[in-house]
């Protein structure tokens, strides 16, 4: 037993992915932003080959009760929701119930210009429709319980910003429309579809359609920072961000999600490849976005990335397919962003590989 322990220690010391040096460097990067022990904090994970090699929590999950952050806390993930919406669409395509080349008018006949906007363009943020987060009346509905049809009706008559396929412009409205189409095609609510077709199949037992009313074990509470201190996050109806940003999850569940994509548990290889293809505009220009993921690179090594921001929370994930490395970070104050931190840690991992 003693010899085995010595051998295991040597493996830890000689494997750069498990090195104390790497852990300290990751700590230092995180502490540039998350350095207040009694303030809101965050959680971070690095995984390699589907297994966590670094997991740490910083700060507090609940300021009023003085509860420290745990790596198993549940966070609102904001626009990382779009990954799930995109995969839900591809599941329906895989089942022969829709096609990404279908026009919006096939499912929502009265949608303006719907005979020129495809599901593909909604997925790639190239539909040109108005982003509802930029509309004047948003504050009036922010706390109302909206059906998907009510949400679509709220923004569908807004003047389009661009012609379909003309330009990539990040757009939350497109993913609300996608959520509505998922419901129309499947006969299930978006919440039920995501739970039964994704969460339950992957074993994401601590992931939810967001709610402020249900008791959710290990919930991290969200905060804003004002000049006089921290305040509880603004209250919104999650029926408003809906399929563009209303899911909650944990580090561990998001790793299960990433692993399920790699293992084709939800999608076959053909449909999976569609999510991670760089597409082109009408003029032939390539965009760095697939279906629900930004497709970028670190030092020439391709990555799949996405972040999220919703009242009181921010999230970010960077996946390096060639090395099966996933870096993920959540924050429970929209005053502290994990975005650059996660990117810097991912770059640290890449540099470590290139030594």
Protein backbone atom coordinates (compact mmCIF):
# COMPACT_ATOMS: atom_id res chain seq x y z
CA UNK A 1 0.00 0.00 0.00
CA UNK A 2 2.85 2.38 0.86
CA UNK A 3 4.48 1.73 -2.52
CA UNK A 4 1.18 2.38 -4.30
CA UNK A 5 0.81 5.71 -2.51
CA UNK A 6 4.34 6.73 -3.48
CA UNK A 7 3.68 5.74 -7.11
CA UNK A 8 0.39 7.70 -7.15
CA UNK A 9 2.17 10.77 -5.74
CA UNK A 10 4.78 10.55 -8.49
CA UNK A 11 2.05 10.36 -11.15
CA UNK A 12 0.44 13.50 -9.73
CA UNK A 13 3.75 15.34 -9.71
CA UNK A 14 4.78 14.33 -13.22
CA UNK A 15 1.41 14.85 -14.94
CA UNK A 16 1.18 18.55 -15.82
CA UNK A 17 -2.63 18.40 -15.82
CA UNK A 18 -2.59 17.58 -12.12
CA UNK A 19 0.38 19.72 -11.14
CA UNK A 20 0.34 22.00 -8.13
CA UNK A 21 1.83 24.69 -10.37
CA UNK A 22 -1.17 24.59 -12.72
CA UNK A 23 -3.60 24.69 -9.81
CA UNK A 24 -1.86 27.73 -8.32
CA UNK A 25 -1.86 29.50 -11.67
CA UNK A 26 -5.59 28.86 -12.08
CA UNK A 27 -6.17 30.13 -8.51
CA UNK A 28 -4.24 33.31 -9.26
CA UNK A 29 -6.20 33.97 -12.46
CA UNK A 30 -9.52 33.49 -10.67
CA UNK A 31 -8.52 35.66 -7.70
CA UNK A 32 -7.94 38.66 -9.96
CA UNK A 33 -11.75 38.96 -9.97
CA UNK A 34 -13.08 36.63 -7.28
CA UNK A 35 -11.15 37.74 -4.22
CA UNK A 36 -13.79 38.78 -1.69
CA UNK A 37 -14.38 36.03 0.88
CA UNK A 38 -17.57 37.54 2.31
CA UNK A 39 -18.99 38.81 -0.97
CA UNK A 40 -20.66 36.93 -3.81
CA UNK A 41 -18.36 34.47 -5.51
CA UNK A 42 -18.14 31.80 -8.12
CA UNK A 43 -17.24 28.23 -8.96
CA UNK A 44 -14.77 26.93 -11.51
CA UNK A 45 -13.91 23.60 -13.07
CA UNK A 46 -11.29 22.23 -15.44
CA UNK A 47 -11.91 18.78 -16.87
CA UNK A 48 -9.72 16.54 -19.00
CA UNK A 49 -10.98 13.45 -20.86
CA UNK A 50 -14.37 13.85 -19.22
CA UNK A 51 -13.08 13.96 -15.63
CA UNK A 52 -12.64 16.98 -13.32
CA UNK A 53 -9.01 17.81 -12.56
CA UNK A 54 -9.72 21.13 -10.83
CA UNK A 55 -12.83 22.25 -8.94
CA UNK A 56 -12.95 25.21 -6.56
CA UNK A 57 -15.49 27.55 -5.02
CA UNK A 58 -14.89 31.17 -4.03
CA UNK A 59 -16.90 33.64 -1.94
CA UNK A 60 -20.46 33.23 -0.67
CA UNK A 61 -23.56 31.53 -2.05
CA UNK A 62 -25.89 33.46 0.26
CA UNK A 63 -24.87 36.77 1.85
CA UNK A 64 -27.83 37.06 4.23
CA UNK A 65 -27.20 33.65 5.79
CA UNK A 66 -23.41 33.86 5.47
CA UNK A 67 -23.27 30.59 3.54
CA UNK A 68 -20.01 29.85 1.75
CA UNK A 69 -19.96 28.85 -1.90
CA UNK A 70 -19.73 25.15 -2.81
CA UNK A 71 -18.74 23.63 -6.14
CA UNK A 72 -22.11 21.80 -6.20
CA UNK A 73 -24.18 25.00 -6.02
CA UNK A 74 -26.89 25.56 -8.63
CA UNK A 75 -26.55 28.69 -10.82
CA UNK A 76 -28.64 30.37 -13.47
CA UNK A 77 -26.60 29.95 -16.66
CA UNK A 78 -28.22 32.62 -18.84
CA UNK A 79 -27.45 32.29 -22.54
CA UNK A 80 -25.65 28.98 -22.15
CA UNK A 81 -29.30 27.85 -22.36
CA UNK A 82 -28.98 28.34 -26.13
CA UNK A 83 -26.86 25.18 -26.36
CA UNK A 84 -29.78 23.15 -25.04
CA UNK A 85 -32.30 24.87 -27.31
CA UNK A 86 -30.11 24.18 -30.35
CA UNK A 87 -29.66 20.51 -29.45
CA UNK A 88 -33.41 20.19 -28.80
CA UNK A 89 -34.02 21.41 -32.37
CA UNK A 90 -31.49 18.90 -33.71
CA UNK A 91 -33.14 16.09 -31.71
CA UNK A 92 -36.42 16.92 -33.44
CA UNK A 93 -34.65 16.99 -36.80
CA UNK A 94 -33.07 13.62 -36.02
CA UNK A 95 -36.57 12.27 -35.31
CA UNK A 96 -37.78 13.59 -38.68
CA UNK A 97 -40.16 16.11 -37.12
CA UNK A 98 -38.58 19.23 -38.61
CA UNK A 99 -35.66 20.36 -40.74
CA UNK A 100 -33.27 23.22 -40.02
CA UNK A 101 -33.89 24.42 -43.58
CA UNK A 102 -37.61 24.82 -42.83
CA UNK A 103 -39.00 28.34 -42.92
CA UNK A 104 -40.53 29.92 -39.83
CA UNK A 105 -43.83 30.40 -41.70
CA UNK A 106 -44.29 26.60 -41.77
CA UNK A 107 -44.80 26.67 -38.00
CA UNK A 108 -45.88 30.28 -37.33
CA UNK A 109 -47.83 31.28 -40.47
CA UNK A 110 -48.39 34.89 -39.42
CA UNK A 111 -44.75 35.64 -38.55
CA UNK A 112 -43.64 38.73 -40.54
CA UNK A 113 -41.16 37.74 -43.25
CA UNK A 114 -41.45 34.20 -41.93
CA UNK A 115 -41.41 32.84 -45.48
CA UNK A 116 -37.83 34.11 -45.82
CA UNK A 117 -36.40 33.22 -42.36
CA UNK A 118 -35.20 29.66 -41.77
CA UNK A 119 -34.72 27.72 -38.56
CA UNK A 120 -31.04 27.59 -39.55
CA UNK A 121 -30.87 31.39 -39.51
CA UNK A 122 -32.52 31.54 -36.08
CA UNK A 123 -29.92 29.08 -34.77
CA UNK A 124 -26.98 31.02 -36.23
CA UNK A 125 -28.14 34.54 -35.26
CA UNK A 126 -28.43 35.51 -38.91
CA UNK A 127 -32.22 35.93 -39.12
CA UNK A 128 -32.06 39.74 -38.93
CA UNK A 129 -35.08 39.97 -36.60
CA UNK A 130 -35.13 42.46 -33.73
CA UNK A 131 -33.58 41.34 -30.43
CA UNK A 132 -36.33 41.72 -27.83
CA UNK A 133 -33.80 42.77 -25.18
CA UNK A 134 -33.36 46.00 -27.15
CA UNK A 135 -37.06 46.89 -27.34
CA UNK A 136 -38.58 49.79 -25.44
CA UNK A 137 -41.45 47.86 -23.88
CA UNK A 138 -39.33 45.18 -22.24
CA UNK A 139 -39.60 46.65 -18.73
CA UNK A 140 -43.38 46.43 -18.95
CA UNK A 141 -43.36 42.64 -19.40
CA UNK A 142 -40.22 41.75 -17.41
CA UNK A 143 -42.22 40.47 -14.44
CA UNK A 144 -45.27 39.17 -16.29
CA UNK A 145 -45.97 35.49 -16.90
CA UNK A 146 -45.74 35.21 -20.67
CA UNK A 147 -46.67 32.26 -22.85
CA UNK A 148 -44.26 31.52 -25.72
CA UNK A 149 -46.84 32.87 -28.16
CA UNK A 150 -47.17 36.07 -26.13
CA UNK A 151 -43.38 36.48 -26.20
CA UNK A 152 -43.24 35.97 -29.97
CA UNK A 153 -46.14 38.37 -30.46
CA UNK A 154 -44.33 40.91 -28.27
CA UNK A 155 -41.46 41.37 -30.71
CA UNK A 156 -42.48 39.86 -34.05
CA UNK A 157 -43.80 43.14 -35.48
CA UNK A 158 -40.66 45.10 -34.57
CA UNK A 159 -38.83 46.42 -37.63
CA UNK A 160 -36.18 43.93 -38.69
CA UNK A 161 -32.59 45.06 -38.23
CA UNK A 162 -31.25 43.15 -41.26
CA UNK A 163 -32.26 40.90 -44.12
CA UNK A 164 -32.11 37.16 -43.38
CA UNK A 165 -28.60 35.79 -43.92
CA UNK A 166 -27.09 39.24 -44.38
CA UNK A 167 -25.09 39.47 -41.14
CA UNK A 168 -24.33 37.67 -37.88
CA UNK A 169 -25.88 39.65 -35.05
CA UNK A 170 -26.37 37.96 -31.67
CA UNK A 171 -30.09 37.71 -31.12
CA UNK A 172 -32.16 36.43 -28.19
CA UNK A 173 -35.44 36.69 -30.09
CA UNK A 174 -34.36 33.96 -32.49
CA UNK A 175 -33.99 31.48 -29.66
CA UNK A 176 -37.37 32.43 -28.19
CA UNK A 177 -38.90 31.61 -31.59
CA UNK A 178 -36.99 28.32 -31.59
CA UNK A 179 -38.39 27.45 -28.16
CA UNK A 180 -41.91 28.12 -29.44
CA UNK A 181 -41.29 25.92 -32.51
CA UNK A 182 -40.00 23.13 -30.24
CA UNK A 183 -43.31 23.30 -28.36
CA UNK A 184 -45.44 23.39 -31.52
CA UNK A 185 -43.63 20.41 -33.06
CA UNK A 186 -43.20 18.23 -29.97
CA UNK A 187 -46.48 18.94 -28.21
CA UNK A 188 -44.52 19.44 -24.98
CA UNK A 189 -43.63 22.61 -23.12
CA UNK A 190 -40.03 23.71 -23.62
CA UNK A 191 -39.38 23.00 -19.93
CA UNK A 192 -40.75 19.44 -20.18
CA UNK A 193 -38.94 18.75 -23.46
CA UNK A 194 -35.55 19.80 -22.08
CA UNK A 195 -36.13 17.78 -18.91
CA UNK A 196 -37.30 14.56 -20.57
CA UNK A 197 -35.13 14.60 -23.71
CA UNK A 198 -31.93 16.02 -22.23
CA UNK A 199 -31.69 16.39 -18.44
CA UNK A 200 -33.19 12.98 -17.62
CA UNK A 201 -31.31 11.13 -20.37
CA UNK A 202 -27.95 12.63 -19.42
CA UNK A 203 -28.50 12.34 -15.67
CA UNK A 204 -28.45 16.11 -15.09
CA UNK A 205 -30.36 15.75 -11.83
CA UNK A 206 -29.51 19.23 -10.53
CA UNK A 207 -30.49 21.20 -13.63
CA UNK A 208 -33.80 23.02 -14.01
CA UNK A 209 -35.89 25.51 -15.89
CA UNK A 210 -35.28 28.51 -13.64
CA UNK A 211 -37.70 29.51 -10.93
CA UNK A 212 -37.56 31.78 -7.88
CA UNK A 213 -40.51 30.03 -6.23
CA UNK A 214 -39.51 26.37 -6.03
CA UNK A 215 -37.14 25.25 -3.31
CA UNK A 216 -33.96 24.23 -5.11
CA UNK A 217 -31.36 22.45 -3.05
CA UNK A 218 -27.91 24.11 -3.08
CA UNK A 219 -29.15 27.17 -4.95
CA UNK A 220 -26.65 30.02 -5.19
CA UNK A 221 -28.46 33.34 -4.75
CA UNK A 222 -27.86 36.12 -7.25
CA UNK A 223 -26.71 39.67 -6.52
CA UNK A 224 -26.04 43.08 -8.00
CA UNK A 225 -23.42 45.50 -6.71
CA UNK A 226 -24.37 49.10 -5.96
CA UNK A 227 -22.21 51.97 -4.75
CA UNK A 228 -23.45 51.29 -1.20
CA UNK A 229 -23.04 47.49 -1.30
CA UNK A 230 -24.67 44.32 -2.60
CA UNK A 231 -28.40 43.89 -3.21
CA UNK A 232 -30.50 40.88 -4.16
CA UNK A 233 -30.94 40.42 -7.88
CA UNK A 234 -33.84 42.00 -9.72
CA UNK A 235 -36.91 39.82 -10.04
CA UNK A 236 -37.92 38.76 -13.55
CA UNK A 237 -40.33 36.26 -15.03
CA UNK A 238 -38.28 33.46 -16.56
CA UNK A 239 -40.97 33.10 -19.21
CA UNK A 240 -39.41 36.22 -20.79
CA UNK A 241 -35.86 34.99 -21.51
CA UNK A 242 -37.44 31.52 -21.97
CA UNK A 243 -35.49 29.33 -24.44
CA UNK A 244 -32.82 32.01 -24.86
CA UNK A 245 -31.67 32.07 -21.22
CA UNK A 246 -33.79 30.44 -18.51
CA UNK A 247 -31.94 27.28 -17.43
CA UNK A 248 -30.09 26.51 -14.20
CA UNK A 249 -27.30 24.00 -13.70
CA UNK A 250 -24.14 22.99 -11.84
CA UNK A 251 -20.53 22.44 -12.82
CA UNK A 252 -20.97 18.68 -12.53
CA UNK A 253 -24.14 18.60 -14.64
CA UNK A 254 -22.58 20.77 -17.34
CA UNK A 255 -19.69 18.32 -17.55
CA UNK A 256 -22.25 15.51 -18.01
CA UNK A 257 -23.76 17.63 -20.78
CA UNK A 258 -20.42 18.07 -22.51
CA UNK A 259 -19.61 14.38 -22.19
CA UNK A 260 -23.01 13.41 -23.61
CA UNK A 261 -22.28 15.46 -26.74
CA UNK A 262 -18.91 13.77 -27.16
CA UNK A 263 -20.45 10.33 -26.73
CA UNK A 264 -23.40 10.99 -29.08
CA UNK A 265 -25.88 10.09 -26.33
CA UNK A 266 -28.44 12.59 -27.61
CA UNK A 267 -27.51 13.18 -31.24
CA UNK A 268 -25.94 11.04 -33.93
CA UNK A 269 -22.65 12.14 -35.48
CA UNK A 270 -24.32 13.88 -38.41
CA UNK A 271 -26.56 16.06 -36.24
CA UNK A 272 -23.74 16.73 -33.75
CA UNK A 273 -21.51 17.94 -36.60
CA UNK A 274 -24.20 20.43 -37.63
CA UNK A 275 -23.98 22.10 -34.21
CA UNK A 276 -20.24 22.63 -34.58
CA UNK A 277 -19.98 23.76 -38.20
CA UNK A 278 -19.02 27.31 -39.12
CA UNK A 279 -21.67 28.63 -41.46
CA UNK A 280 -21.66 31.31 -44.15
CA UNK A 281 -23.64 34.47 -44.84
CA UNK A 282 -25.38 35.18 -48.13
CA UNK A 283 -22.19 36.79 -49.45
CA UNK A 284 -20.08 33.71 -48.64
CA UNK A 285 -18.42 35.21 -45.55
CA UNK A 286 -17.84 32.62 -42.82
CA UNK A 287 -19.11 33.32 -39.31
CA UNK A 288 -17.67 31.96 -36.07
CA UNK A 289 -20.91 30.45 -34.83
CA UNK A 290 -22.58 27.07 -35.19
CA UNK A 291 -25.85 26.15 -33.53
CA UNK A 292 -25.69 27.45 -29.95
CA UNK A 293 -21.89 27.78 -29.73
CA UNK A 294 -19.28 30.33 -30.75
CA UNK A 295 -16.58 28.51 -32.73
CA UNK A 296 -13.29 30.23 -32.09
CA UNK A 297 -9.68 29.30 -31.32
CA UNK A 298 -6.86 29.75 -28.83
CA UNK A 299 -3.43 30.03 -30.44
CA UNK A 300 -4.82 28.32 -33.52
CA UNK A 301 -6.45 25.46 -31.60
CA UNK A 302 -10.23 25.34 -32.25
CA UNK A 303 -12.60 25.94 -29.32
CA UNK A 304 -16.33 25.86 -28.67
CA UNK A 305 -17.40 28.68 -26.38
CA UNK A 306 -20.44 30.35 -24.90
CA UNK A 307 -21.23 32.60 -21.99
CA UNK A 308 -24.37 33.80 -20.30
CA UNK A 309 -25.63 36.79 -18.36
CA UNK A 310 -28.92 37.18 -16.54
CA UNK A 311 -29.86 39.32 -13.53
CA UNK A 312 -27.52 38.31 -10.71
CA UNK A 313 -25.52 35.69 -12.61
CA UNK A 314 -22.85 35.23 -15.26
CA UNK A 315 -21.48 32.05 -16.82
CA UNK A 316 -18.81 30.97 -19.29
CA UNK A 317 -17.59 27.73 -20.80
CA UNK A 318 -14.71 26.98 -23.20
CA UNK A 319 -14.26 23.50 -24.66
CA UNK A 320 -11.13 22.39 -26.54
CA UNK A 321 -12.26 19.40 -28.66
CA UNK A 322 -8.80 18.19 -29.76
CA UNK A 323 -7.73 17.75 -26.14
CA UNK A 324 -11.13 17.08 -24.54
CA UNK A 325 -10.51 19.91 -22.09
CA UNK A 326 -13.47 21.84 -20.68
CA UNK A 327 -13.09 25.01 -18.61
CA UNK A 328 -16.21 26.33 -16.92
CA UNK A 329 -17.03 29.19 -14.55
CA UNK A 330 -20.18 30.53 -12.86
CA UNK A 331 -20.65 33.75 -10.87
CA UNK A 332 -23.53 34.71 -8.54
CA UNK A 333 -23.09 38.44 -9.03
CA UNK A 334 -23.36 40.10 -12.41
CA UNK A 335 -20.63 42.43 -11.11
CA UNK A 336 -18.05 39.62 -11.45
CA UNK A 337 -17.65 38.05 -14.86
CA UNK A 338 -16.00 34.65 -15.33
CA UNK A 339 -15.66 35.19 -19.10
CA UNK A 340 -12.08 36.39 -19.42
CA UNK A 341 -10.99 34.22 -16.50
CA UNK A 342 -12.26 31.06 -18.18
CA UNK A 343 -10.62 32.12 -21.46
CA UNK A 344 -7.33 32.80 -19.66
CA UNK A 345 -7.41 29.41 -17.92
CA UNK A 346 -8.18 27.70 -21.24
CA UNK A 347 -5.20 29.52 -22.77
CA UNK A 348 -3.09 28.39 -19.81
CA UNK A 349 -4.09 24.80 -20.55
CA UNK A 350 -3.22 25.19 -24.22
CA UNK A 351 0.20 26.66 -23.40
CA UNK A 352 0.80 23.82 -20.98
CA UNK A 353 0.08 21.34 -23.77
CA UNK A 354 2.40 23.13 -26.19
CA UNK A 355 5.44 22.98 -23.90
